Amino acid sequence: MSFTPEQNNAICVEFFEAAWNTGEVREDLLASDALDHSQVGGKQKTEPGSGSFKHIVGMFRGAMPDVKLTIEDEIYTADKVVHRWRLNGTDTGGVMGMPPSGKAITMSGTTTVRMQDGKIAERWANVDELGLLQQLGVVPPPPGA
């Protein structure tokens, strides 16, 4: 069965909004051999299945239970979907193992997905980790900021 770029985008919106805004990772929208290419703490890794993505979502939802994903741009063609997004939440549980700061956090990034037969087959994410660390006070802001 062939899916249009619009249908692929709608599947991605449904998947990512459910995961980030409710904590539900929709396995039914992932290919059985899906690959998650993620970069956490400057280290690139590729993992099969949903475990890596579930870990990332769980870590941030645990730190910021009120986290809300907003998709700001949607670009899609053929089997690729790209979303520019923003996460907002309050750090009440400690982001990335740090003590809770109580700060309102805004994190932005871009996710690229390759679709196959109406399911997410691969995911790549680029996240503004430096901006997150600056908001948490771990890294000083640039001079004059």
Foldseek 3Di string as FASTA:
>chain_A
DADFQVLLQVLVVVQVQCCQQPVDRPQVQADQFAWEFEADPNDTDIDTDCVVVSVVSVQVCQQFVRKGKDFDDWDTHGFKIKTKIKIWGAGCRAHPPHHGDRDIDIKIWMKMFGHDPRHTRYIYIDIPVVSRCCRSVNDPDPPPD
